[in-house]
Amino acid sequence: MKIKHPYKCDGCLRLKGENESRWYLCLAKVVDPVTGDPEYIDGFALIPWDDKRSDDPDVLQHLCSADCCMKSLGKWLSVKDLVFKELLSSPVAEEMLRGELTSR
């Protein structure tokens, strides 16, 4: 299959060759397995390369290897860790941790 436009790995910037199939797509939206409705997730979802979905706006990243997938996951986790630490340092979280939070 001829590639319409060349894809670059968002991890290492390597160009995708025509016959390379071991690439991955990182998605912002997945299909709910129960209802079949697409929904946005606050998560990290990888699927094997799919030519039909490679230009989909829900694709956040094109990744060439397991190594680039792991690097991308590591970046995502570090951002989530910072957000979690910020939430834990909020006054409400401190009250919850001390068991002092009352319904407001």
PDB file of N, CA and C in Angstrom:
ATOM      1  N   MET A   1       0.842  -1.181   0.000  1.00  0.00           N
ATOM      2  CA  MET A   1       0.000   0.000   0.000  1.00  0.00           C
ATOM      3  C   MET A   1       0.887   1.245   0.000  1.00  0.00           C
ATOM      4  N   LYS A   2       0.606   2.160  -0.849  1.00  0.00           N
ATOM      5  CA  LYS A   2       1.365   3.406  -0.961  1.00  0.00           C
ATOM      6  C   LYS A   2       0.940   4.366   0.161  1.00  0.00           C
ATOM      7  N   ILE A   3       1.904   4.940   0.841  1.00  0.00           N
ATOM      8  CA  ILE A   3       1.609   5.904   1.900  1.00  0.00           C
ATOM      9  C   ILE A   3       1.316   7.256   1.263  1.00  0.00           C
ATOM     10  N   LYS A   4       0.151   7.831   1.637  1.00  0.00           N
ATOM     11  CA  LYS A   4      -0.246   9.127   1.067  1.00  0.00           C
ATOM     12  C   LYS A   4       0.739  10.222   1.452  1.00  0.00           C
ATOM     13  N   HIS A   5       1.053  10.285   2.701  1.00  0.00           N
ATOM     14  CA  HIS A   5       2.045  11.239   3.169  1.00  0.00           C
ATOM     15  C   HIS A   5       2.898  10.517   4.204  1.00  0.00           C
ATOM     16  N   PRO A   6       4.159  10.870   4.239  1.00  0.00           N
ATOM     17  CA  PRO A   6       5.037  10.143   5.160  1.00  0.00           C
ATOM     18  C   PRO A   6       4.687  10.453   6.618  1.00  0.00           C
ATOM     19  N   TYR A   7       4.748   9.435   7.433  1.00  0.00           N
ATOM     20  CA  TYR A   7       4.506   9.597   8.866  1.00  0.00           C
ATOM     21  C   TYR A   7       5.836   9.575   9.576  1.00  0.00           C
ATOM     22  N   LYS A   8       5.942  10.393  10.614  1.00  0.00           N
ATOM     23  CA  LYS A   8       7.129  10.395  11.457  1.00  0.00           C
ATOM     24  C   LYS A   8       6.725   9.889  12.831  1.00  0.00           C
ATOM     25  N   CYS A   9       7.630   9.139  13.429  1.00  0.00           N
ATOM     26  CA  CYS A   9       7.414   8.689  14.794  1.00  0.00           C
ATOM     27  C   CYS A   9       7.476   9.915  15.704  1.00  0.00           C
ATOM     28  N   ASP A  10       6.473  10.051  16.569  1.00  0.00           N
ATOM     29  CA  ASP A  10       6.459  11.178  17.502  1.00  0.00           C
ATOM     30  C   ASP A  10       7.423  10.966  18.658  1.00  0.00           C
ATOM     31  N   GLY A  11       8.037   9.782  18.725  1.00  0.00           N
ATOM     32  CA  GLY A  11       9.021   9.518  19.763  1.00  0.00           C
ATOM     33  C   GLY A  11      10.436   9.816  19.322  1.00  0.00           C
ATOM     34  N   CYS A  12      10.807   9.319  18.112  1.00  0.00           N
ATOM     35  CA  CYS A  12      12.207   9.451  17.665  1.00  0.00           C
ATOM     36  C   CYS A  12      12.346  10.140  16.304  1.00  0.00           C
ATOM     37  N   LEU A  13      11.245  10.514  15.681  1.00  0.00           N
ATOM     38  CA  LEU A  13      11.192  11.236  14.399  1.00  0.00           C
ATOM     39  C   LEU A  13      11.608  10.384  13.197  1.00  0.00           C
ATOM     40  N   ARG A  14      11.679   9.066  13.357  1.00  0.00           N
ATOM     41  CA  ARG A  14      11.994   8.176  12.233  1.00  0.00           C
ATOM     42  C   ARG A  14      10.812   8.142  11.271  1.00  0.00           C
ATOM     43  N   LEU A  15      11.103   8.139   9.967  1.00  0.00           N
ATOM     44  CA  LEU A  15      10.049   8.067   8.955  1.00  0.00           C
ATOM     45  C   LEU A  15       9.529   6.639   8.813  1.00  0.00           C
ATOM     46  N   LYS A  16       8.226   6.509   8.605  1.00  0.00           N
ATOM     47  CA  LYS A  16       7.611   5.201   8.406  1.00  0.00           C
ATOM     48  C   LYS A  16       7.789   4.763   6.959  1.00  0.00           C
ATOM     49  N   GLY A  17       8.267   3.557   6.764  1.00  0.00           N
ATOM     50  CA  GLY A  17       8.384   2.988   5.431  1.00  0.00           C
ATOM     51  C   GLY A  17       7.063   2.404   4.960  1.00  0.00           C
ATOM     52  N   GLU A  18       6.940   2.180   3.663  1.00  0.00           N
ATOM     53  CA  GLU A  18       5.690   1.687   3.081  1.00  0.00           C
ATOM     54  C   GLU A  18       5.252   0.338   3.632  1.00  0.00           C
ATOM     55  N   ASN A  19       6.189  -0.565   3.840  1.00  0.00           N
ATOM     56  CA  ASN A  19       5.833  -1.922   4.244  1.00  0.00           C
ATOM     57  C   ASN A  19       6.000  -2.191   5.731  1.00  0.00           C
ATOM     58  N   GLU A  20       6.195  -1.151   6.520  1.00  0.00           N
ATOM     59  CA  GLU A  20       6.357  -1.345   7.962  1.00  0.00           C
ATOM     60  C   GLU A  20       4.982  -1.407   8.622  1.00  0.00           C
ATOM     61  N   SER A  21       4.723  -2.505   9.309  1.00  0.00           N
ATOM     62  CA  SER A  21       3.422  -2.642   9.956  1.00  0.00           C
ATOM     63  C   SER A  21       3.515  -2.653  11.477  1.00  0.00           C
ATOM     64  N   ARG A  22       4.712  -2.719  12.009  1.00  0.00           N
ATOM     65  CA  ARG A  22       4.862  -2.776  13.467  1.00  0.00           C
ATOM     66  C   ARG A  22       4.941  -1.390  14.091  1.00  0.00           C
ATOM     67  N   TRP A  23       4.058  -0.535  13.701  1.00  0.00           N
ATOM     68  CA  TRP A  23       3.934   0.788  14.288  1.00  0.00           C
ATOM     69  C   TRP A  23       2.667   0.811  15.134  1.00  0.00           C
ATOM     70  N   TYR A  24       2.523   1.867  15.938  1.00  0.00           N
ATOM     71  CA  TYR A  24       1.394   1.960  16.862  1.00  0.00           C
ATOM     72  C   TYR A  24       0.777   3.345  16.785  1.00  0.00           C
ATOM     73  N   LEU A  25      -0.499   3.408  17.160  1.00  0.00           N
ATOM     74  CA  LEU A  25      -1.211   4.673  17.257  1.00  0.00           C
ATOM     75  C   LEU A  25      -1.619   4.867  18.708  1.00  0.00           C
ATOM     76  N   CYS A  26      -1.386   6.063  19.228  1.00  0.00           N
ATOM     77  CA  CYS A  26      -1.821   6.416  20.571  1.00  0.00           C
ATOM     78  C   CYS A  26      -3.099   7.235  20.416  1.00  0.00           C
ATOM     79  N   LEU A  27      -4.175   6.785  21.064  1.00  0.00           N
ATOM     80  CA  LEU A  27      -5.491   7.377  20.846  1.00  0.00           C
ATOM     81  C   LEU A  27      -5.959   8.244  22.005  1.00  0.00           C
ATOM     82  N   ALA A  28      -6.779   9.243  21.649  1.00  0.00           N
ATOM     83  CA  ALA A  28      -7.429  10.084  22.652  1.00  0.00           C
ATOM     84  C   ALA A  28      -8.854   9.611  22.896  1.00  0.00           C
ATOM     85  N   LYS A  29      -9.358   8.769  22.000  1.00  0.00           N
ATOM     86  CA  LYS A  29     -10.733   8.313  22.115  1.00  0.00           C
ATOM     87  C   LYS A  29     -10.777   6.816  21.859  1.00  0.00           C
ATOM     88  N   VAL A  30     -11.525   6.094  22.671  1.00  0.00           N
ATOM     89  CA  VAL A  30     -11.702   4.664  22.456  1.00  0.00           C
ATOM     90  C   VAL A  30     -13.186   4.357  22.427  1.00  0.00           C
ATOM     91  N   VAL A  31     -13.540   3.198  21.907  1.00  0.00           N
ATOM     92  CA  VAL A  31     -14.940   2.789  21.850  1.00  0.00           C
ATOM     93  C   VAL A  31     -15.288   2.051  23.137  1.00  0.00           C
ATOM     94  N   ASP A  32     -16.392   2.470  23.758  1.00  0.00           N
ATOM     95  CA  ASP A  32     -16.879   1.803  24.958  1.00  0.00           C
ATOM     96  C   ASP A  32     -17.283   0.379  24.578  1.00  0.00           C
ATOM     97  N   PRO A  33     -16.693  -0.644  25.213  1.00  0.00           N
ATOM     98  CA  PRO A  33     -16.987  -2.019  24.812  1.00  0.00           C
ATOM     99  C   PRO A  33     -18.435  -2.436  25.077  1.00  0.00           C
ATOM    100  N   VAL A  34     -19.121  -1.766  25.991  1.00  0.00           N
ATOM    101  CA  VAL A  34     -20.498  -2.119  26.322  1.00  0.00           C
ATOM    102  C   VAL A  34     -21.486  -1.449  25.376  1.00  0.00           C
ATOM    103  N   THR A  35     -21.367  -0.126  25.229  1.00  0.00           N
ATOM    104  CA  THR A  35     -22.351   0.613  24.430  1.00  0.00           C
ATOM    105  C   THR A  35     -21.934   0.802  22.980  1.00  0.00           C
ATOM    106  N   GLY A  36     -20.638   0.679  22.706  1.00  0.00           N
ATOM    107  CA  GLY A  36     -20.155   0.919  21.352  1.00  0.00           C
ATOM    108  C   GLY A  36     -19.966   2.388  21.037  1.00  0.00           C
ATOM    109  N   ASP A  37     -20.233   3.259  22.012  1.00  0.00           N
ATOM    110  CA  ASP A  37     -20.076   4.694  21.818  1.00  0.00           C
ATOM    111  C   ASP A  37     -18.618   5.094  21.998  1.00  0.00           C
ATOM    112  N   PRO A  38     -18.123   5.953  21.089  1.00  0.00           N
ATOM    113  CA  PRO A  38     -16.759   6.458  21.305  1.00  0.00           C
ATOM    114  C   PRO A  38     -16.773   7.453  22.467  1.00  0.00           C
ATOM    115  N   GLU A  39     -15.773   7.390  23.278  1.00  0.00           N
ATOM    116  CA  GLU A  39     -15.690   8.332  24.394  1.00  0.00           C
ATOM    117  C   GLU A  39     -14.242   8.748  24.599  1.00  0.00           C
ATOM    118  N   TYR A  40     -14.076   9.980  25.060  1.00  0.00           N
ATOM    119  CA  TYR A  40     -12.732  10.437  25.374  1.00  0.00           C
ATOM    120  C   TYR A  40     -12.317   9.818  26.691  1.00  0.00           C
ATOM    121  N   ILE A  41     -11.062   9.471  26.775  1.00  0.00           N
ATOM    122  CA  ILE A  41     -10.553   8.852  27.990  1.00  0.00           C
ATOM    123  C   ILE A  41      -9.429   9.711  28.552  1.00  0.00           C
ATOM    124  N   ASP A  42      -9.294   9.661  29.839  1.00  0.00           N
ATOM    125  CA  ASP A  42      -8.139  10.274  30.469  1.00  0.00           C
ATOM    126  C   ASP A  42      -7.181   9.131  30.745  1.00  0.00           C
ATOM    127  N   GLY A  43      -6.611   8.644  29.689  1.00  0.00           N
ATOM    128  CA  GLY A  43      -5.752   7.485  29.799  1.00  0.00           C
ATOM    129  C   GLY A  43      -4.803   7.404  28.627  1.00  0.00           C
ATOM    130  N   PHE A  44      -4.146   6.284  28.540  1.00  0.00           N
ATOM    131  CA  PHE A  44      -3.138   6.063  27.518  1.00  0.00           C
ATOM    132  C   PHE A  44      -3.539   4.807  26.773  1.00  0.00           C
ATOM    133  N   ALA A  45      -4.006   4.947  25.536  1.00  0.00           N
ATOM    134  CA  ALA A  45      -4.474   3.798  24.755  1.00  0.00           C
ATOM    135  C   ALA A  45      -3.625   3.642  23.498  1.00  0.00           C
ATOM    136  N   LEU A  46      -3.066   2.455  23.318  1.00  0.00           N
ATOM    137  CA  LEU A  46      -2.276   2.136  22.126  1.00  0.00           C
ATOM    138  C   LEU A  46      -2.991   1.055  21.326  1.00  0.00           C
ATOM    139  N   ILE A  47      -2.947   1.197  20.007  1.00  0.00           N
ATOM    140  CA  ILE A  47      -3.449   0.142  19.127  1.00  0.00           C
ATOM    141  C   ILE A  47      -2.397  -0.093  18.048  1.00  0.00           C
ATOM    142  N   PRO A  48      -2.386  -1.282  17.451  1.00  0.00           N
ATOM    143  CA  PRO A  48      -1.463  -1.511  16.324  1.00  0.00           C
ATOM    144  C   PRO A  48      -1.803  -0.567  15.175  1.00  0.00           C
ATOM    145  N   TRP A  49      -0.843  -0.311  14.323  1.00  0.00           N
ATOM    146  CA  TRP A  49      -1.017   0.593  13.191  1.00  0.00           C
ATOM    147  C   TRP A  49      -2.220   0.184  12.361  1.00  0.00           C
ATOM    148  N   ASP A  50      -3.004   1.169  11.959  1.00  0.00           N
ATOM    149  CA  ASP A  50      -4.158   0.953  11.095  1.00  0.00           C
ATOM    150  C   ASP A  50      -4.159   2.080  10.071  1.00  0.00           C
ATOM    151  N   ASP A  51      -3.921   1.744   8.793  1.00  0.00           N
ATOM    152  CA  ASP A  51      -3.850   2.769   7.750  1.00  0.00           C
ATOM    153  C   ASP A  51      -5.111   3.632   7.704  1.00  0.00           C
ATOM    154  N   LYS A  52      -6.256   3.030   7.966  1.00  0.00           N
ATOM    155  CA  LYS A  52      -7.518   3.778   7.901  1.00  0.00           C
ATOM    156  C   LYS A  52      -7.640   4.803   9.012  1.00  0.00           C
ATOM    157  N   ARG A  53      -7.005   4.525  10.157  1.00  0.00           N
ATOM    158  CA  ARG A  53      -7.121   5.435  11.304  1.00  0.00           C
ATOM    159  C   ARG A  53      -5.921   6.357  11.482  1.00  0.00           C
ATOM    160  N   SER A  54      -4.898   6.192  10.661  1.00  0.00           N
ATOM    161  CA  SER A  54      -3.647   6.933  10.881  1.00  0.00           C
ATOM    162  C   SER A  54      -3.805   8.449  10.771  1.00  0.00           C
ATOM    163  N   ASP A  55      -4.797   8.927  10.023  1.00  0.00           N
ATOM    164  CA  ASP A  55      -5.047  10.371   9.909  1.00  0.00           C
ATOM    165  C   ASP A  55      -6.211  10.831  10.770  1.00  0.00           C
ATOM    166  N   ASP A  56      -6.744   9.948  11.577  1.00  0.00           N
ATOM    167  CA  ASP A  56      -7.886  10.258  12.439  1.00  0.00           C
ATOM    168  C   ASP A  56      -7.501  11.357  13.434  1.00  0.00           C
ATOM    169  N   PRO A  57      -8.367  12.340  13.657  1.00  0.00           N
ATOM    170  CA  PRO A  57      -8.040  13.401  14.624  1.00  0.00           C
ATOM    171  C   PRO A  57      -7.904  12.892  16.065  1.00  0.00           C
ATOM    172  N   ASP A  58      -8.420  11.690  16.330  1.00  0.00           N
ATOM    173  CA  ASP A  58      -8.299  11.130  17.674  1.00  0.00           C
ATOM    174  C   ASP A  58      -6.939  10.491  17.935  1.00  0.00           C
ATOM    175  N   VAL A  59      -6.111  10.395  16.898  1.00  0.00           N
ATOM    176  CA  VAL A  59      -4.762   9.857  17.072  1.00  0.00           C
ATOM    177  C   VAL A  59      -3.863  10.971  17.603  1.00  0.00           C
ATOM    178  N   LEU A  60      -3.315  10.745  18.770  1.00  0.00           N
ATOM    179  CA  LEU A  60      -2.428  11.739  19.376  1.00  0.00           C
ATOM    180  C   LEU A  60      -0.992  11.583  18.898  1.00  0.00           C
ATOM    181  N   GLN A  61      -0.567  10.327  18.707  1.00  0.00           N
ATOM    182  CA  GLN A  61       0.815  10.078  18.328  1.00  0.00           C
ATOM    183  C   GLN A  61       0.909   8.883  17.391  1.00  0.00           C
ATOM    184  N   HIS A  62       1.921   8.932  16.525  1.00  0.00           N
ATOM    185  CA  HIS A  62       2.319   7.804  15.686  1.00  0.00           C
ATOM    186  C   HIS A  62       3.646   7.327  16.270  1.00  0.00           C
ATOM    187  N   LEU A  63       3.731   6.053  16.640  1.00  0.00           N
ATOM    188  CA  LEU A  63       4.920   5.547  17.326  1.00  0.00           C
ATOM    189  C   LEU A  63       5.478   4.329  16.599  1.00  0.00           C
ATOM    190  N   CYS A  64       6.808   4.276  16.442  1.00  0.00           N
ATOM    191  CA  CYS A  64       7.436   3.267  15.582  1.00  0.00           C
ATOM    192  C   CYS A  64       7.825   1.980  16.283  1.00  0.00           C
ATOM    193  N   SER A  65       7.894   1.972  17.593  1.00  0.00           N
ATOM    194  CA  SER A  65       8.422   0.780  18.263  1.00  0.00           C
ATOM    195  C   SER A  65       7.915   0.717  19.700  1.00  0.00           C
ATOM    196  N   ALA A  66       8.139  -0.446  20.309  1.00  0.00           N
ATOM    197  CA  ALA A  66       7.780  -0.602  21.720  1.00  0.00           C
ATOM    198  C   ALA A  66       8.578   0.381  22.577  1.00  0.00           C
ATOM    199  N   ASP A  67       9.818   0.632  22.183  1.00  0.00           N
ATOM    200  CA  ASP A  67      10.660   1.574  22.929  1.00  0.00           C
ATOM    201  C   ASP A  67      10.045   2.979  22.924  1.00  0.00           C
ATOM    202  N   CYS A  68       9.595   3.438  21.748  1.00  0.00           N
ATOM    203  CA  CYS A  68       8.976   4.765  21.671  1.00  0.00           C
ATOM    204  C   CYS A  68       7.631   4.793  22.406  1.00  0.00           C
ATOM    205  N   CYS A  69       6.912   3.669  22.390  1.00  0.00           N
ATOM    206  CA  CYS A  69       5.662   3.575  23.152  1.00  0.00           C
ATOM    207  C   CYS A  69       5.940   3.723  24.644  1.00  0.00           C
ATOM    208  N   MET A  70       6.996   3.044  25.125  1.00  0.00           N
ATOM    209  CA  MET A  70       7.337   3.119  26.547  1.00  0.00           C
ATOM    210  C   MET A  70       7.790   4.527  26.940  1.00  0.00           C
ATOM    211  N   LYS A  71       8.549   5.182  26.066  1.00  0.00           N
ATOM    212  CA  LYS A  71       8.970   6.562  26.348  1.00  0.00           C
ATOM    213  C   LYS A  71       7.754   7.477  26.420  1.00  0.00           C
ATOM    214  N   SER A  72       6.818   7.287  25.506  1.00  0.00           N
ATOM    215  CA  SER A  72       5.611   8.103  25.493  1.00  0.00           C
ATOM    216  C   SER A  72       4.776   7.850  26.748  1.00  0.00           C
ATOM    217  N   LEU A  73       4.651   6.595  27.145  1.00  0.00           N
ATOM    218  CA  LEU A  73       3.931   6.253  28.365  1.00  0.00           C
ATOM    219  C   LEU A  73       4.619   6.884  29.577  1.00  0.00           C
ATOM    220  N   GLY A  74       5.943   6.849  29.610  1.00  0.00           N
ATOM    221  CA  GLY A  74       6.683   7.469  30.708  1.00  0.00           C
ATOM    222  C   GLY A  74       6.419   8.957  30.815  1.00  0.00           C
ATOM    223  N   LYS A  75       6.374   9.647  29.677  1.00  0.00           N
ATOM    224  CA  LYS A  75       6.056  11.086  29.684  1.00  0.00           C
ATOM    225  C   LYS A  75       4.648  11.319  30.197  1.00  0.00           C
ATOM    226  N   TRP A  76       3.708  10.493  29.737  1.00  0.00           N
ATOM    227  CA  TRP A  76       2.316  10.632  30.175  1.00  0.00           C
ATOM    228  C   TRP A  76       2.205  10.408  31.682  1.00  0.00           C
ATOM    229  N   LEU A  77       2.883   9.384  32.189  1.00  0.00           N
ATOM    230  CA  LEU A  77       2.842   9.103  33.620  1.00  0.00           C
ATOM    231  C   LEU A  77       3.468  10.219  34.441  1.00  0.00           C
ATOM    232  N   SER A  78       4.545  10.826  33.949  1.00  0.00           N
ATOM    233  CA  SER A  78       5.186  11.900  34.721  1.00  0.00           C
ATOM    234  C   SER A  78       4.275  13.118  34.803  1.00  0.00           C
ATOM    235  N   VAL A  79       3.542  13.406  33.740  1.00  0.00           N
ATOM    236  CA  VAL A  79       2.583  14.526  33.779  1.00  0.00           C
ATOM    237  C   VAL A  79       1.467  14.197  34.759  1.00  0.00           C
ATOM    238  N   LYS A  80       0.955  12.964  34.712  1.00  0.00           N
ATOM    239  CA  LYS A  80      -0.107  12.561  35.632  1.00  0.00           C
ATOM    240  C   LYS A  80       0.385  12.602  37.070  1.00  0.00           C
ATOM    241  N   ASP A  81       1.634  12.233  37.301  1.00  0.00           N
ATOM    242  CA  ASP A  81       2.207  12.253  38.639  1.00  0.00           C
ATOM    243  C   ASP A  81       2.262  13.677  39.177  1.00  0.00           C
ATOM    244  N   LEU A  82       2.648  14.646  38.336  1.00  0.00           N
ATOM    245  CA  LEU A  82       2.689  16.046  38.760  1.00  0.00           C
ATOM    246  C   LEU A  82       1.302  16.555  39.116  1.00  0.00           C
ATOM    247  N   VAL A  83       0.309  16.202  38.293  1.00  0.00           N
ATOM    248  CA  VAL A  83      -1.072  16.620  38.560  1.00  0.00           C
ATOM    249  C   VAL A  83      -1.552  16.005  39.866  1.00  0.00           C
ATOM    250  N   PHE A  84      -1.248  14.723  40.086  1.00  0.00           N
ATOM    251  CA  PHE A  84      -1.665  14.037  41.301  1.00  0.00           C
ATOM    252  C   PHE A  84      -1.025  14.677  42.530  1.00  0.00           C
ATOM    253  N   LYS A  85       0.284  14.983  42.447  1.00  0.00           N
ATOM    254  CA  LYS A  85       0.964  15.621  43.576  1.00  0.00           C
ATOM    255  C   LYS A  85       0.373  16.994  43.870  1.00  0.00           C
ATOM    256  N   GLU A  86       0.019  17.738  42.805  1.00  0.00           N
ATOM    257  CA  GLU A  86      -0.591  19.048  42.989  1.00  0.00           C
ATOM    258  C   GLU A  86      -1.948  18.918  43.672  1.00  0.00           C
ATOM    259  N   LEU A  87      -2.727  17.911  43.265  1.00  0.00           N
ATOM    260  CA  LEU A  87      -4.024  17.683  43.897  1.00  0.00           C
ATOM    261  C   LEU A  87      -3.867  17.311  45.364  1.00  0.00           C
ATOM    262  N   LEU A  88      -2.870  16.480  45.666  1.00  0.00           N
ATOM    263  CA  LEU A  88      -2.654  16.064  47.050  1.00  0.00           C
ATOM    264  C   LEU A  88      -2.209  17.204  47.943  1.00  0.00           C
ATOM    265  N   SER A  89      -1.597  18.222  47.361  1.00  0.00           N
ATOM    266  CA  SER A  89      -1.132  19.347  48.184  1.00  0.00           C
ATOM    267  C   SER A  89      -2.215  20.409  48.378  1.00  0.00           C
ATOM    268  N   SER A  90      -3.396  20.197  47.809  1.00  0.00           N
ATOM    269  CA  SER A  90      -4.470  21.173  47.976  1.00  0.00           C
ATOM    270  C   SER A  90      -5.027  21.090  49.398  1.00  0.00           C
ATOM    271  N   PRO A  91      -5.601  22.189  49.919  1.00  0.00           N
ATOM    272  CA  PRO A  91      -6.160  22.184  51.278  1.00  0.00           C
ATOM    273  C   PRO A  91      -7.244  21.117  51.481  1.00  0.00           C
ATOM    274  N   VAL A  92      -8.068  20.889  50.480  1.00  0.00           N
ATOM    275  CA  VAL A  92      -9.132  19.888  50.605  1.00  0.00           C
ATOM    276  C   VAL A  92      -8.530  18.493  50.747  1.00  0.00           C
ATOM    277  N   ALA A  93      -7.500  18.197  49.944  1.00  0.00           N
ATOM    278  CA  ALA A  93      -6.848  16.887  50.031  1.00  0.00           C
ATOM    279  C   ALA A  93      -6.179  16.703  51.387  1.00  0.00           C
ATOM    280  N   GLU A  94      -5.579  17.765  51.911  1.00  0.00           N
ATOM    281  CA  GLU A  94      -4.941  17.672  53.225  1.00  0.00           C
ATOM    282  C   GLU A  94      -5.971  17.369  54.301  1.00  0.00           C
ATOM    283  N   GLU A  95      -7.155  18.004  54.197  1.00  0.00           N
ATOM    284  CA  GLU A  95      -8.232  17.713  55.155  1.00  0.00           C
ATOM    285  C   GLU A  95      -8.678  16.256  55.030  1.00  0.00           C
ATOM    286  N   MET A  96      -8.792  15.782  53.794  1.00  0.00           N
ATOM    287  CA  MET A  96      -9.206  14.393  53.577  1.00  0.00           C
ATOM    288  C   MET A  96      -8.202  13.429  54.179  1.00  0.00           C
ATOM    289  N   LEU A  97      -6.921  13.687  53.977  1.00  0.00           N
ATOM    290  CA  LEU A  97      -5.885  12.799  54.489  1.00  0.00           C
ATOM    291  C   LEU A  97      -5.859  12.783  56.014  1.00  0.00           C
ATOM    292  N   ARG A  98      -6.203  13.905  56.632  1.00  0.00           N
ATOM    293  CA  ARG A  98      -6.253  13.965  58.087  1.00  0.00           C
ATOM    294  C   ARG A  98      -7.588  13.457  58.627  1.00  0.00           C
ATOM    295  N   GLY A  99      -8.568  13.199  57.742  1.00  0.00           N
ATOM    296  CA  GLY A  99      -9.882  12.722  58.168  1.00  0.00           C
ATOM    297  C   GLY A  99     -10.761  13.836  58.703  1.00  0.00           C
ATOM    298  N   GLU A 100     -10.438  15.076  58.366  1.00  0.00           N
ATOM    299  CA  GLU A 100     -11.180  16.224  58.878  1.00  0.00           C
ATOM    300  C   GLU A 100     -12.186  16.782  57.893  1.00  0.00           C
ATOM    301  N   LEU A 101     -12.291  16.203  56.726  1.00  0.00           N
ATOM    302  CA  LEU A 101     -13.174  16.748  55.704  1.00  0.00           C
ATOM    303  C   LEU A 101     -14.624  16.461  56.076  1.00  0.00           C
ATOM    304  N   THR A 102     -15.395  17.508  56.104  1.00  0.00           N
ATOM    305  CA  THR A 102     -16.832  17.357  56.352  1.00  0.00           C
ATOM    306  C   THR A 102     -17.568  17.739  55.092  1.00  0.00           C
ATOM    307  N   SER A 103     -18.778  17.249  54.946  1.00  0.00           N
ATOM    308  CA  SER A 103     -19.534  17.590  53.737  1.00  0.00           C
ATOM    309  C   SER A 103     -19.829  19.073  53.738  1.00  0.00           C
ATOM    310  N   ARG A 104     -19.636  19.683  52.602  1.00  0.00           N
ATOM    311  CA  ARG A 104     -19.799  21.141  52.498  1.00  0.00           C
ATOM    312  C   ARG A 104     -21.045  21.483  51.757  1.00  0.00           C
TER     313      ARG A 104
END
